[in-house]
Amino acid sequence: MQLSLTEQFILIALNDEKGRFVSDTTYLDNGLAGATLLELGLLNKIDWTDNIVKVKNDESLGIPILDQSIGAIKKEKPSSIGHWIGVLNANAGDIKHVTLQTLREKGIIEKEEGKVLWIFSFNKYPTKNDQPENKLRARLKDIVMGVRTAEEKDLMLLGLIEVCQLIDEAFREKDVRKRAKAWYKKQESDSKVTKALASTIQGLQAAIMAATLAAVIASTTAAT
């Protein structure tokens, strides 16, 4: 079963049993924005030359979220990856909703209603078919353990996992997690990491830092 980069990211970020996201909103929303940009790059729809995002092919993909993103990028003057992560972050709710829906349609997760204090309702998405995610996790494990060579899409997902602080969730075994962290350090100087990926990760880091700082400032202001 083929899974998009965004679908893979969502599966890693979801707690299988509780059906809730293990990552906080700042990391999750920026991660979804980054995944969308990288997905468009994989599909050869946009280019990151000199850290500036430009549309290469605006032909419809038939995927509303991606088509809307291409349309938004085309309308504005060429801007940095960091800028577009901020713009797409505003649509992270829609990206998440659509991605969860496609995962449900594929029979991988299901939707349930949860309660807080038996009063407030919320949606949760526990795993229904764990085979696709198990295969994904096994592939990532093989990569960091040196058993498998990473493809471009793998590097993109692994980059998102690191910057969104999902390493502990992606690699649950202590020894594998240790090897994963060593693998990440090696990638910092590895030529296989594409310039587009490196720029996107840097943009994500900047966006997350900015969002975190804004939240701290807001909480401090409210307390005074």
C-alpha atoms as a PDB file:
ATOM      1  CA  MET A   1       0.000   0.000   0.000  1.00  0.00           C
ATOM      2  CA  GLN A   2       1.433   3.358  -1.068  1.00  0.00           C
ATOM      3  CA  LEU A   3       1.416   6.088   1.564  1.00  0.00           C
ATOM      4  CA  SER A   4       2.133   9.752   0.974  1.00  0.00           C
ATOM      5  CA  LEU A   5       4.819  11.516   2.992  1.00  0.00           C
ATOM      6  CA  THR A   6       2.120  13.347   4.963  1.00  0.00           C
ATOM      7  CA  GLU A   7       0.305  10.081   5.716  1.00  0.00           C
ATOM      8  CA  GLN A   8       3.530   8.507   6.942  1.00  0.00           C
ATOM      9  CA  PHE A   9       4.249  11.509   9.172  1.00  0.00           C
ATOM     10  CA  ILE A  10       0.732  11.354  10.650  1.00  0.00           C
ATOM     11  CA  LEU A  11       1.076   7.635  11.412  1.00  0.00           C
ATOM     12  CA  ILE A  12       4.322   8.200  13.307  1.00  0.00           C
ATOM     13  CA  ALA A  13       2.831  11.134  15.217  1.00  0.00           C
ATOM     14  CA  LEU A  14      -0.312   9.212  16.285  1.00  0.00           C
ATOM     15  CA  ASN A  15      -0.419   7.029  19.386  1.00  0.00           C
ATOM     16  CA  ASP A  16      -1.656   3.699  18.013  1.00  0.00           C
ATOM     17  CA  GLU A  17      -3.908   2.756  20.933  1.00  0.00           C
ATOM     18  CA  LYS A  18      -5.077   6.128  22.238  1.00  0.00           C
ATOM     19  CA  GLY A  19      -5.522   7.578  18.764  1.00  0.00           C
ATOM     20  CA  ARG A  20      -4.164  10.942  19.882  1.00  0.00           C
ATOM     21  CA  PHE A  21      -1.145  12.865  18.643  1.00  0.00           C
ATOM     22  CA  VAL A  22       1.993  12.505  20.738  1.00  0.00           C
ATOM     23  CA  SER A  23       3.444  15.746  19.361  1.00  0.00           C
ATOM     24  CA  ASP A  24       2.189  19.135  20.519  1.00  0.00           C
ATOM     25  CA  THR A  25       0.427  21.494  18.111  1.00  0.00           C
ATOM     26  CA  THR A  26       3.497  23.613  17.346  1.00  0.00           C
ATOM     27  CA  TYR A  27       5.539  20.661  16.150  1.00  0.00           C
ATOM     28  CA  LEU A  28       2.619  18.873  14.506  1.00  0.00           C
ATOM     29  CA  ASP A  29       1.341  21.849  12.495  1.00  0.00           C
ATOM     30  CA  ASN A  30       4.786  22.912  11.314  1.00  0.00           C
ATOM     31  CA  GLY A  31       5.593  19.289  10.528  1.00  0.00           C
ATOM     32  CA  LEU A  32       2.471  19.002   8.371  1.00  0.00           C
ATOM     33  CA  ALA A  33       3.382  22.239   6.574  1.00  0.00           C
ATOM     34  CA  GLY A  34       6.901  20.940   5.947  1.00  0.00           C
ATOM     35  CA  ALA A  35       5.581  17.564   4.799  1.00  0.00           C
ATOM     36  CA  THR A  36       3.298  19.289   2.304  1.00  0.00           C
ATOM     37  CA  LEU A  37       6.177  21.271   0.802  1.00  0.00           C
ATOM     38  CA  LEU A  38       8.374  18.194   0.599  1.00  0.00           C
ATOM     39  CA  GLU A  39       5.510  16.228  -0.967  1.00  0.00           C
ATOM     40  CA  LEU A  40       5.177  18.869  -3.679  1.00  0.00           C
ATOM     41  CA  GLY A  41       8.912  18.642  -4.242  1.00  0.00           C
ATOM     42  CA  LEU A  42       8.738  14.858  -4.574  1.00  0.00           C
ATOM     43  CA  LEU A  43       5.982  15.269  -7.141  1.00  0.00           C
ATOM     44  CA  ASN A  44       8.188  17.742  -9.064  1.00  0.00           C
ATOM     45  CA  LYS A  45       5.642  20.516  -8.588  1.00  0.00           C
ATOM     46  CA  ILE A  46       7.888  23.055  -6.882  1.00  0.00           C
ATOM     47  CA  ASP A  47      11.586  23.899  -6.721  1.00  0.00           C
ATOM     48  CA  TRP A  48      13.730  25.267  -3.865  1.00  0.00           C
ATOM     49  CA  THR A  49      16.589  26.859  -5.776  1.00  0.00           C
ATOM     50  CA  ASP A  50      18.575  29.162  -3.446  1.00  0.00           C
ATOM     51  CA  ASN A  51      16.006  28.511  -0.679  1.00  0.00           C
ATOM     52  CA  ILE A  52      13.301  30.254  -2.746  1.00  0.00           C
ATOM     53  CA  VAL A  53      10.132  28.284  -3.508  1.00  0.00           C
ATOM     54  CA  LYS A  54       8.890  28.455  -7.088  1.00  0.00           C
ATOM     55  CA  VAL A  55       6.208  26.531  -8.956  1.00  0.00           C
ATOM     56  CA  LYS A  56       7.568  24.217 -11.663  1.00  0.00           C
ATOM     57  CA  ASN A  57       4.329  22.573 -12.760  1.00  0.00           C
ATOM     58  CA  ASP A  58       0.865  23.827 -11.799  1.00  0.00           C
ATOM     59  CA  GLU A  59      -1.121  21.061 -13.457  1.00  0.00           C
ATOM     60  CA  SER A  60      -3.788  19.754 -11.080  1.00  0.00           C
ATOM     61  CA  LEU A  61      -2.954  16.641  -9.071  1.00  0.00           C
ATOM     62  CA  GLY A  62      -6.572  16.015  -8.174  1.00  0.00           C
ATOM     63  CA  ILE A  63      -5.620  16.268  -4.503  1.00  0.00           C
ATOM     64  CA  PRO A  64      -7.350  19.418  -3.152  1.00  0.00           C
ATOM     65  CA  ILE A  65      -4.892  20.198  -0.338  1.00  0.00           C
ATOM     66  CA  LEU A  66      -1.857  19.939  -2.627  1.00  0.00           C
ATOM     67  CA  ASP A  67      -3.572  21.775  -5.491  1.00  0.00           C
ATOM     68  CA  GLN A  68      -4.529  24.599  -3.112  1.00  0.00           C
ATOM     69  CA  SER A  69      -0.945  24.822  -1.890  1.00  0.00           C
ATOM     70  CA  ILE A  70       0.383  25.025  -5.452  1.00  0.00           C
ATOM     71  CA  GLY A  71      -2.187  27.726  -6.240  1.00  0.00           C
ATOM     72  CA  ALA A  72      -1.195  29.765  -3.190  1.00  0.00           C
ATOM     73  CA  ILE A  73       2.511  29.559  -4.039  1.00  0.00           C
ATOM     74  CA  LYS A  74       1.832  30.541  -7.653  1.00  0.00           C
ATOM     75  CA  LYS A  75      -0.160  33.632  -6.665  1.00  0.00           C
ATOM     76  CA  GLU A  76       2.538  35.165  -4.475  1.00  0.00           C
ATOM     77  CA  LYS A  77       5.981  36.360  -5.446  1.00  0.00           C
ATOM     78  CA  PRO A  78       8.744  33.760  -4.880  1.00  0.00           C
ATOM     79  CA  SER A  79       9.460  33.508  -1.158  1.00  0.00           C
ATOM     80  CA  SER A  80      11.597  31.492   1.234  1.00  0.00           C
ATOM     81  CA  ILE A  81      10.805  28.020   2.540  1.00  0.00           C
ATOM     82  CA  GLY A  82      10.384  29.500   6.027  1.00  0.00           C
ATOM     83  CA  HIS A  83       7.743  31.877   4.685  1.00  0.00           C
ATOM     84  CA  TRP A  84       5.763  29.069   3.080  1.00  0.00           C
ATOM     85  CA  ILE A  85       5.936  26.867   6.141  1.00  0.00           C
ATOM     86  CA  GLY A  86       4.339  29.756   8.022  1.00  0.00           C
ATOM     87  CA  VAL A  87       1.633  30.174   5.360  1.00  0.00           C
ATOM     88  CA  LEU A  88       0.826  26.460   5.141  1.00  0.00           C
ATOM     89  CA  ASN A  89       0.873  26.219   8.931  1.00  0.00           C
ATOM     90  CA  ALA A  90      -2.354  28.229   8.872  1.00  0.00           C
ATOM     91  CA  ASN A  91      -3.901  25.388   6.832  1.00  0.00           C
ATOM     92  CA  ALA A  92      -2.469  22.625   9.028  1.00  0.00           C
ATOM     93  CA  GLY A  93      -5.916  21.813  10.389  1.00  0.00           C
ATOM     94  CA  ASP A  94      -7.208  21.122   6.885  1.00  0.00           C
ATOM     95  CA  ILE A  95      -4.092  19.111   5.980  1.00  0.00           C
ATOM     96  CA  LYS A  96      -4.524  17.005   9.121  1.00  0.00           C
ATOM     97  CA  HIS A  97      -8.248  16.483   8.553  1.00  0.00           C
ATOM     98  CA  VAL A  98      -7.835  15.395   4.925  1.00  0.00           C
ATOM     99  CA  THR A  99      -4.891  13.116   5.720  1.00  0.00           C
ATOM    100  CA  LEU A 100      -6.748  11.421   8.573  1.00  0.00           C
ATOM    101  CA  GLN A 101      -9.695  10.918   6.241  1.00  0.00           C
ATOM    102  CA  THR A 102      -7.545   9.242   3.563  1.00  0.00           C
ATOM    103  CA  LEU A 103      -5.999   6.962   6.193  1.00  0.00           C
ATOM    104  CA  ARG A 104      -9.499   6.015   7.315  1.00  0.00           C
ATOM    105  CA  GLU A 105     -10.551   5.307   3.731  1.00  0.00           C
ATOM    106  CA  LYS A 106      -7.534   3.020   3.373  1.00  0.00           C
ATOM    107  CA  GLY A 107      -8.656   1.154   6.487  1.00  0.00           C
ATOM    108  CA  ILE A 108      -5.503   1.958   8.468  1.00  0.00           C
ATOM    109  CA  ILE A 109      -7.117   3.973  11.259  1.00  0.00           C
ATOM    110  CA  GLU A 110     -10.645   4.445  12.531  1.00  0.00           C
ATOM    111  CA  LYS A 111     -12.454   7.384  14.067  1.00  0.00           C
ATOM    112  CA  GLU A 112     -13.863   7.229  17.581  1.00  0.00           C
ATOM    113  CA  GLU A 113     -15.332   9.759  19.981  1.00  0.00           C
ATOM    114  CA  GLY A 114     -13.613  10.341  23.286  1.00  0.00           C
ATOM    115  CA  LYS A 115     -14.729  12.238  26.379  1.00  0.00           C
ATOM    116  CA  VAL A 116     -12.954  14.517  28.822  1.00  0.00           C
ATOM    117  CA  LEU A 117     -14.541  14.550  32.279  1.00  0.00           C
ATOM    118  CA  TRP A 118     -17.484  12.698  30.660  1.00  0.00           C
ATOM    119  CA  ILE A 119     -18.613  16.031  29.187  1.00  0.00           C
ATOM    120  CA  PHE A 120     -16.324  17.362  26.463  1.00  0.00           C
ATOM    121  CA  SER A 121     -16.090  15.334  23.265  1.00  0.00           C
ATOM    122  CA  PHE A 122     -13.060  14.926  21.026  1.00  0.00           C
ATOM    123  CA  ASN A 123     -12.113  12.722  18.094  1.00  0.00           C
ATOM    124  CA  LYS A 124      -9.450  10.057  18.335  1.00  0.00           C
ATOM    125  CA  TYR A 125      -7.993   7.851  15.630  1.00  0.00           C
ATOM    126  CA  PRO A 126      -6.726   4.496  16.915  1.00  0.00           C
ATOM    127  CA  THR A 127      -5.064   2.025  14.568  1.00  0.00           C
ATOM    128  CA  LYS A 128      -7.338  -0.427  12.763  1.00  0.00           C
ATOM    129  CA  ASN A 129      -4.782  -2.136  10.502  1.00  0.00           C
ATOM    130  CA  ASP A 130      -1.245  -1.932  11.888  1.00  0.00           C
ATOM    131  CA  GLN A 131       0.508  -3.618   8.958  1.00  0.00           C
ATOM    132  CA  PRO A 132       1.262  -0.450   6.900  1.00  0.00           C
ATOM    133  CA  GLU A 133       2.684   1.356   9.944  1.00  0.00           C
ATOM    134  CA  ASN A 134       4.638  -1.707  11.062  1.00  0.00           C
ATOM    135  CA  LYS A 135       6.246  -1.934   7.624  1.00  0.00           C
ATOM    136  CA  LEU A 136       7.031   1.791   7.735  1.00  0.00           C
ATOM    137  CA  ARG A 137       8.634   1.557  11.176  1.00  0.00           C
ATOM    138  CA  ALA A 138      10.610  -1.538  10.136  1.00  0.00           C
ATOM    139  CA  ARG A 139      11.959   0.290   7.102  1.00  0.00           C
ATOM    140  CA  LEU A 140      13.036   3.297   9.167  1.00  0.00           C
ATOM    141  CA  LYS A 141      14.675   0.970  11.686  1.00  0.00           C
ATOM    142  CA  ASP A 142      16.586  -0.815   8.919  1.00  0.00           C
ATOM    143  CA  ILE A 143      17.843   2.538   7.617  1.00  0.00           C
ATOM    144  CA  VAL A 144      19.237   3.800  10.929  1.00  0.00           C
ATOM    145  CA  MET A 145      20.674   0.350  11.697  1.00  0.00           C
ATOM    146  CA  GLY A 146      22.528   0.392   8.381  1.00  0.00           C
ATOM    147  CA  VAL A 147      20.621  -2.534   6.869  1.00  0.00           C
ATOM    148  CA  ARG A 148      18.855  -0.508   4.172  1.00  0.00           C
ATOM    149  CA  THR A 149      19.879   2.506   2.081  1.00  0.00           C
ATOM    150  CA  ALA A 150      17.559   5.479   2.515  1.00  0.00           C
ATOM    151  CA  GLU A 151      15.687   6.807  -0.498  1.00  0.00           C
ATOM    152  CA  GLU A 152      14.862  10.502  -0.845  1.00  0.00           C
ATOM    153  CA  LYS A 153      11.371  10.093   0.627  1.00  0.00           C
ATOM    154  CA  ASP A 154      12.836   8.206   3.594  1.00  0.00           C
ATOM    155  CA  LEU A 155      15.313  11.015   4.250  1.00  0.00           C
ATOM    156  CA  MET A 156      12.488  13.535   4.148  1.00  0.00           C
ATOM    157  CA  LEU A 157      10.403  11.616   6.686  1.00  0.00           C
ATOM    158  CA  LEU A 158      13.408  11.048   8.946  1.00  0.00           C
ATOM    159  CA  GLY A 159      14.195  14.762   8.774  1.00  0.00           C
ATOM    160  CA  LEU A 160      10.637  15.637   9.799  1.00  0.00           C
ATOM    161  CA  ILE A 161      10.778  13.101  12.632  1.00  0.00           C
ATOM    162  CA  GLU A 162      13.923  14.695  14.042  1.00  0.00           C
ATOM    163  CA  VAL A 163      12.892  18.337  13.837  1.00  0.00           C
ATOM    164  CA  CYS A 164       9.427  17.588  15.266  1.00  0.00           C
ATOM    165  CA  GLN A 165      10.973  15.686  18.198  1.00  0.00           C
ATOM    166  CA  LEU A 166       9.426  12.335  17.282  1.00  0.00           C
ATOM    167  CA  ILE A 167      12.583  10.213  17.482  1.00  0.00           C
ATOM    168  CA  ASP A 168      11.471   8.518  20.720  1.00  0.00           C
ATOM    169  CA  GLU A 169       8.102   7.704  19.148  1.00  0.00           C
ATOM    170  CA  ALA A 170       9.525   6.503  15.828  1.00  0.00           C
ATOM    171  CA  PHE A 171      12.193   4.321  17.463  1.00  0.00           C
ATOM    172  CA  ARG A 172      10.750   2.781  20.602  1.00  0.00           C
ATOM    173  CA  GLU A 173      13.583   0.340  21.395  1.00  0.00           C
ATOM    174  CA  LYS A 174      16.401   1.908  23.416  1.00  0.00           C
ATOM    175  CA  ASP A 175      19.243   0.414  21.361  1.00  0.00           C
ATOM    176  CA  VAL A 176      17.604   1.398  18.071  1.00  0.00           C
ATOM    177  CA  ARG A 177      16.974   4.907  19.375  1.00  0.00           C
ATOM    178  CA  LYS A 178      20.662   5.213  20.252  1.00  0.00           C
ATOM    179  CA  ARG A 179      21.661   4.098  16.768  1.00  0.00           C
ATOM    180  CA  ALA A 180      19.102   6.500  15.261  1.00  0.00           C
ATOM    181  CA  LYS A 181      20.621   9.481  17.066  1.00  0.00           C
ATOM    182  CA  ALA A 182      24.080   8.485  15.833  1.00  0.00           C
ATOM    183  CA  TRP A 183      22.661   8.123  12.317  1.00  0.00           C
ATOM    184  CA  TYR A 184      21.212  11.645  12.473  1.00  0.00           C
ATOM    185  CA  LYS A 185      24.570  13.100  13.475  1.00  0.00           C
ATOM    186  CA  LYS A 186      26.188  11.417  10.497  1.00  0.00           C
ATOM    187  CA  GLN A 187      23.600  12.866   8.131  1.00  0.00           C
ATOM    188  CA  GLU A 188      24.572  16.423   9.026  1.00  0.00           C
ATOM    189  CA  SER A 189      27.656  16.090   6.828  1.00  0.00           C
ATOM    190  CA  ASP A 190      26.362  13.462   4.400  1.00  0.00           C
ATOM    191  CA  SER A 191      26.116  14.533   0.756  1.00  0.00           C
ATOM    192  CA  LYS A 192      23.034  12.319   0.279  1.00  0.00           C
ATOM    193  CA  VAL A 193      20.951  14.833   2.174  1.00  0.00           C
ATOM    194  CA  THR A 194      19.597  17.041  -0.576  1.00  0.00           C
ATOM    195  CA  LYS A 195      19.825  20.807  -0.448  1.00  0.00           C
ATOM    196  CA  ALA A 196      16.035  21.020  -0.690  1.00  0.00           C
ATOM    197  CA  LEU A 197      15.609  18.802   2.349  1.00  0.00           C
ATOM    198  CA  ALA A 198      18.251  20.658   4.363  1.00  0.00           C
ATOM    199  CA  SER A 199      16.606  24.009   3.548  1.00  0.00           C
ATOM    200  CA  THR A 200      13.169  22.731   4.514  1.00  0.00           C
ATOM    201  CA  ILE A 201      14.412  21.362   7.827  1.00  0.00           C
ATOM    202  CA  GLN A 202      16.126  24.669   8.581  1.00  0.00           C
ATOM    203  CA  GLY A 203      12.888  26.478   7.721  1.00  0.00           C
ATOM    204  CA  LEU A 204      10.955  24.151  10.019  1.00  0.00           C
ATOM    205  CA  GLN A 205      13.394  24.709  12.869  1.00  0.00           C
ATOM    206  CA  ALA A 206      13.087  28.483  12.473  1.00  0.00           C
ATOM    207  CA  ALA A 207       9.277  28.304  12.317  1.00  0.00           C
ATOM    208  CA  ILE A 208       9.057  26.101  15.413  1.00  0.00           C
ATOM    209  CA  MET A 209      11.438  28.352  17.353  1.00  0.00           C
ATOM    210  CA  ALA A 210       9.409  31.418  16.360  1.00  0.00           C
ATOM    211  CA  ALA A 211       6.110  29.764  17.366  1.00  0.00           C
ATOM    212  CA  THR A 212       7.562  28.596  20.682  1.00  0.00           C
ATOM    213  CA  LEU A 213       8.939  32.070  21.443  1.00  0.00           C
ATOM    214  CA  ALA A 214       5.576  33.642  20.598  1.00  0.00           C
ATOM    215  CA  ALA A 215       3.812  31.245  22.969  1.00  0.00           C
ATOM    216  CA  VAL A 216       6.264  32.060  25.774  1.00  0.00           C
ATOM    217  CA  ILE A 217       5.828  35.798  25.214  1.00  0.00           C
ATOM    218  CA  ALA A 218       2.032  35.434  25.181  1.00  0.00           C
ATOM    219  CA  SER A 219       1.973  33.420  28.424  1.00  0.00           C
ATOM    220  CA  THR A 220       4.363  35.858  30.110  1.00  0.00           C
ATOM    221  CA  THR A 221       2.281  38.858  29.021  1.00  0.00           C
ATOM    222  CA  ALA A 222      -0.909  37.211  30.288  1.00  0.00           C
ATOM    223  CA  ALA A 223       0.690  36.551  33.658  1.00  0.00           C
ATOM    224  CA  THR A 224       1.742  40.157  34.219  1.00  0.00           C
END
